[in-house]
Amino acid sequence: MEKIVKLYDQGFSIHEISGLLSIDKKLVEEIIIEHKLSKISSTEAIGIFDRTISLVKNERLDYLMSLSTKEKHQFVDELTDFLDAQKQNAEDVMASLWIIGELKLHNFSHYLCKYSSSANKNIKRITYSSMGKIHNAVFIPYLKTGCKDNGIQVRMYAIKSLAGYHFQNKYEFFCDILKKETNPRNREILQQIINDEIK
């Protein structure tokens, strides 16, 4: 367990830890959750940010909504500190980017721009998804780049998010992307977007 927690704290993802230690991914995930829960129940003070990302995904927003105005400001400060830190864990970054999108935290838009060039495909996928939820025109060039990404899922999220934006030559852009798209599901999504543009 110590090795798993140490690697996680060093920034390795659950998938990477599973591969490095030849341990089942599900077991690694369970140990990390247990580690986070033990931090919450320990006597040492835990920040609002740490408490939030220790919760399961569907509980995070309810917890954040229950905070006082002062606590919400504290959460924003702690989230900023985490995203500015040199050492970060991929899962915690993904949780942070998801929260930014769900809460439509416009002041964090520059972090989404930054993480859109991450080497981690899951981080990019969530980044593009959050860009679609916040709907800031500054994201358009980043989403256009995402539509041409090597990852099928990354492209899908970028395409879906960009579809909600209005920009010059939108129809032509998606037609061009469709010509180059090889994934059948992505092609269906693109065709639907193009059909909607014609109407």
Protein backbone atom coordinates (compact mmCIF):
# COMPACT_ATOMS: atom_id res chain seq x y z
CA MET A 1 0.00 0.00 0.00
CA GLU A 2 2.83 2.42 0.85
CA LYS A 3 4.34 2.13 -2.64
CA ILE A 4 0.96 2.84 -4.26
CA VAL A 5 0.30 5.91 -2.10
CA LYS A 6 3.85 7.21 -2.62
CA LEU A 7 3.58 6.91 -6.41
CA TYR A 8 0.14 8.54 -6.34
CA ASP A 9 1.47 11.47 -4.29
CA GLN A 10 4.32 11.81 -6.80
CA GLY A 11 1.77 12.44 -9.55
CA PHE A 12 1.40 9.00 -11.15
CA SER A 13 -2.11 8.09 -12.31
CA ILE A 14 -3.96 4.96 -11.16
CA HIS A 15 -3.44 3.43 -14.62
CA GLU A 16 0.32 4.12 -14.49
CA ILE A 17 0.67 2.74 -10.94
CA SER A 18 -1.19 -0.40 -11.97
CA GLY A 19 1.26 -0.94 -14.84
CA LEU A 20 4.41 -0.08 -12.86
CA LEU A 21 3.60 -2.39 -9.94
CA SER A 22 1.73 -5.04 -11.95
CA ILE A 23 -1.29 -4.67 -9.67
CA ASP A 24 -4.93 -4.79 -10.75
CA LYS A 25 -6.22 -1.29 -11.54
CA LYS A 26 -9.33 -1.83 -9.39
CA LEU A 27 -7.20 -2.68 -6.36
CA VAL A 28 -5.03 0.42 -6.87
CA GLU A 29 -8.18 2.55 -7.11
CA GLU A 30 -9.56 1.06 -3.86
CA ILE A 31 -6.28 1.75 -2.01
CA ILE A 32 -6.19 5.36 -3.24
CA ILE A 33 -9.81 5.94 -2.16
CA GLU A 34 -9.01 4.39 1.24
CA HIS A 35 -5.95 6.67 1.49
CA LYS A 36 -8.06 9.75 0.75
CA LEU A 37 -10.77 8.73 3.21
CA SER A 38 -8.18 8.16 5.94
CA LYS A 39 -6.93 11.71 5.40
CA ILE A 40 -10.45 13.04 5.91
CA SER A 41 -11.02 11.04 9.10
CA SER A 42 -7.60 11.84 10.56
CA THR A 43 -7.22 14.49 13.25
CA GLU A 44 -4.93 16.64 11.09
CA ALA A 45 -6.59 19.57 9.35
CA ILE A 46 -7.67 18.94 5.78
CA GLY A 47 -8.45 21.68 3.32
CA ILE A 48 -11.74 22.08 1.50
CA PHE A 49 -10.09 21.25 -1.82
CA ASP A 50 -8.63 17.98 -0.49
CA ARG A 51 -11.96 17.06 1.09
CA THR A 52 -13.77 17.77 -2.19
CA ILE A 53 -11.57 15.60 -4.40
CA SER A 54 -11.63 12.83 -1.78
CA LEU A 55 -15.37 12.48 -2.34
CA VAL A 56 -16.83 10.30 -5.09
CA LYS A 57 -17.70 12.27 -8.22
CA ASN A 58 -21.47 12.51 -7.70
CA GLU A 59 -21.02 13.89 -4.14
CA ARG A 60 -18.55 16.68 -4.97
CA LEU A 61 -21.01 19.26 -6.30
CA ASP A 62 -23.47 18.72 -3.43
CA TYR A 63 -20.64 19.26 -0.96
CA LEU A 64 -19.45 22.43 -2.72
CA MET A 65 -22.99 23.80 -2.90
CA SER A 66 -23.37 23.30 0.86
CA LEU A 67 -20.38 25.52 1.67
CA SER A 68 -20.71 29.02 3.10
CA THR A 69 -19.56 31.99 0.99
CA LYS A 70 -16.36 32.18 3.01
CA GLU A 71 -15.67 28.46 2.52
CA LYS A 72 -16.31 28.78 -1.23
CA HIS A 73 -13.69 31.53 -1.41
CA GLN A 74 -11.34 29.26 0.52
CA PHE A 75 -12.00 26.44 -1.94
CA VAL A 76 -11.20 28.73 -4.90
CA ASP A 77 -7.92 29.78 -3.23
CA GLU A 78 -6.96 26.15 -2.55
CA LEU A 79 -7.92 25.11 -6.10
CA THR A 80 -5.69 27.87 -7.46
CA ASP A 81 -2.80 26.76 -5.23
CA PHE A 82 -3.20 23.17 -6.42
CA LEU A 83 -3.28 24.09 -10.12
CA ASP A 84 -0.23 26.34 -9.67
CA ALA A 85 1.74 23.62 -7.85
CA GLN A 86 4.70 21.93 -9.55
CA LYS A 87 3.72 18.39 -8.49
CA GLN A 88 0.18 17.23 -9.24
CA ASN A 89 -1.60 13.92 -9.53
CA ALA A 90 -3.40 13.32 -12.84
CA GLU A 91 -6.63 12.12 -11.16
CA ASP A 92 -6.75 15.22 -8.95
CA VAL A 93 -6.11 17.46 -11.96
CA MET A 94 -9.00 15.77 -13.80
CA ALA A 95 -11.28 16.25 -10.78
CA SER A 96 -10.29 19.93 -10.64
CA LEU A 97 -10.93 20.53 -14.33
CA TRP A 98 -14.29 18.77 -14.09
CA ILE A 99 -15.28 21.00 -11.15
CA ILE A 100 -14.22 24.11 -13.11
CA GLY A 101 -16.57 23.10 -15.92
CA GLU A 102 -19.48 22.04 -13.72
CA LEU A 103 -19.37 25.24 -11.66
CA LYS A 104 -18.60 27.37 -14.75
CA LEU A 105 -15.65 29.03 -13.04
CA HIS A 106 -14.80 31.58 -15.74
CA ASN A 107 -11.84 32.91 -13.75
CA PHE A 108 -10.14 29.53 -14.26
CA SER A 109 -10.36 29.65 -18.07
CA HIS A 110 -6.60 30.13 -18.43
CA TYR A 111 -6.03 26.81 -16.65
CA LEU A 112 -8.24 25.04 -19.20
CA CYS A 113 -6.20 26.63 -22.00
CA LYS A 114 -3.03 25.38 -20.29
CA TYR A 115 -4.23 21.81 -19.79
CA SER A 116 -5.56 21.49 -23.35
CA SER A 117 -1.97 20.71 -24.37
CA SER A 118 -1.45 18.05 -21.67
CA ALA A 119 0.24 14.80 -22.69
CA ASN A 120 -2.48 12.97 -20.72
CA LYS A 121 -5.43 12.22 -23.02
CA ASN A 122 -7.93 11.98 -20.15
CA ILE A 123 -6.91 15.42 -18.90
CA LYS A 124 -7.38 16.82 -22.42
CA ARG A 125 -10.76 15.11 -22.76
CA ILE A 126 -12.08 16.64 -19.53
CA THR A 127 -10.53 20.01 -20.40
CA TYR A 128 -12.42 20.15 -23.71
CA SER A 129 -15.62 19.04 -22.00
CA SER A 130 -15.30 21.88 -19.47
CA MET A 131 -14.60 24.34 -22.28
CA GLY A 132 -17.96 23.38 -23.73
CA LYS A 133 -19.73 24.01 -20.42
CA ILE A 134 -18.12 27.41 -19.72
CA HIS A 135 -18.61 28.63 -23.27
CA ASN A 136 -15.88 31.26 -23.55
CA ALA A 137 -14.89 32.40 -27.07
CA VAL A 138 -11.23 32.30 -26.02
CA PHE A 139 -11.49 28.48 -26.15
CA ILE A 140 -12.35 28.28 -29.87
CA PRO A 141 -8.75 27.93 -31.19
CA TYR A 142 -7.98 25.32 -28.51
CA LEU A 143 -11.11 23.32 -29.36
CA LYS A 144 -10.26 23.51 -33.07
CA THR A 145 -6.87 21.98 -32.26
CA GLY A 146 -8.62 19.32 -30.17
CA CYS A 147 -10.79 18.35 -33.15
CA LYS A 148 -7.57 17.20 -34.86
CA ASP A 149 -6.06 15.37 -31.86
CA ASN A 150 -4.67 11.84 -32.27
CA GLY A 151 -7.00 10.49 -29.55
CA ILE A 152 -10.47 9.41 -30.73
CA GLN A 153 -12.15 10.30 -27.41
CA VAL A 154 -10.26 13.60 -27.17
CA ARG A 155 -11.48 14.54 -30.66
CA MET A 156 -15.04 13.54 -29.76
CA TYR A 157 -15.15 15.81 -26.71
CA ALA A 158 -13.56 18.72 -28.59
CA ILE A 159 -15.98 18.31 -31.52
CA LYS A 160 -19.05 18.18 -29.24
CA SER A 161 -17.92 21.23 -27.26
CA LEU A 162 -16.99 23.29 -30.32
CA ALA A 163 -20.38 22.52 -31.89
CA GLY A 164 -21.98 24.79 -29.26
CA TYR A 165 -19.94 27.80 -30.36
CA HIS A 166 -20.64 30.29 -33.14
CA PHE A 167 -17.60 31.20 -35.22
CA GLN A 168 -16.73 32.22 -38.75
CA ASN A 169 -16.71 29.43 -41.36
CA LYS A 170 -18.10 26.92 -38.83
CA TYR A 171 -19.78 24.83 -41.53
CA GLU A 172 -16.60 24.69 -43.66
CA PHE A 173 -14.46 23.84 -40.62
CA PHE A 174 -16.57 20.83 -39.65
CA CYS A 175 -16.82 19.65 -43.26
CA ASP A 176 -13.03 19.67 -43.44
CA ILE A 177 -12.76 17.75 -40.14
CA LEU A 178 -15.28 15.20 -41.41
CA LYS A 179 -13.14 14.50 -44.49
CA LYS A 180 -10.19 13.56 -42.25
CA GLU A 181 -12.12 11.75 -39.47
CA THR A 182 -11.72 7.96 -39.47
CA ASN A 183 -13.75 6.98 -36.40
CA PRO A 184 -17.37 6.03 -37.29
CA ARG A 185 -18.91 7.51 -34.11
CA ASN A 186 -17.06 10.80 -34.57
CA ARG A 187 -18.15 10.88 -38.20
CA GLU A 188 -21.79 10.50 -37.11
CA ILE A 189 -21.44 13.38 -34.65
CA LEU A 190 -19.78 15.58 -37.26
CA GLN A 191 -22.44 14.78 -39.86
CA GLN A 192 -25.18 15.73 -37.38
CA ILE A 193 -23.43 19.04 -36.61
CA ILE A 194 -23.10 19.78 -40.33
CA ASN A 195 -26.77 18.91 -40.94
CA ASP A 196 -27.81 21.24 -38.10
CA GLU A 197 -25.73 24.04 -39.63
CA ILE A 198 -27.55 23.65 -42.95
CA LYS A 199 -31.02 24.02 -41.34
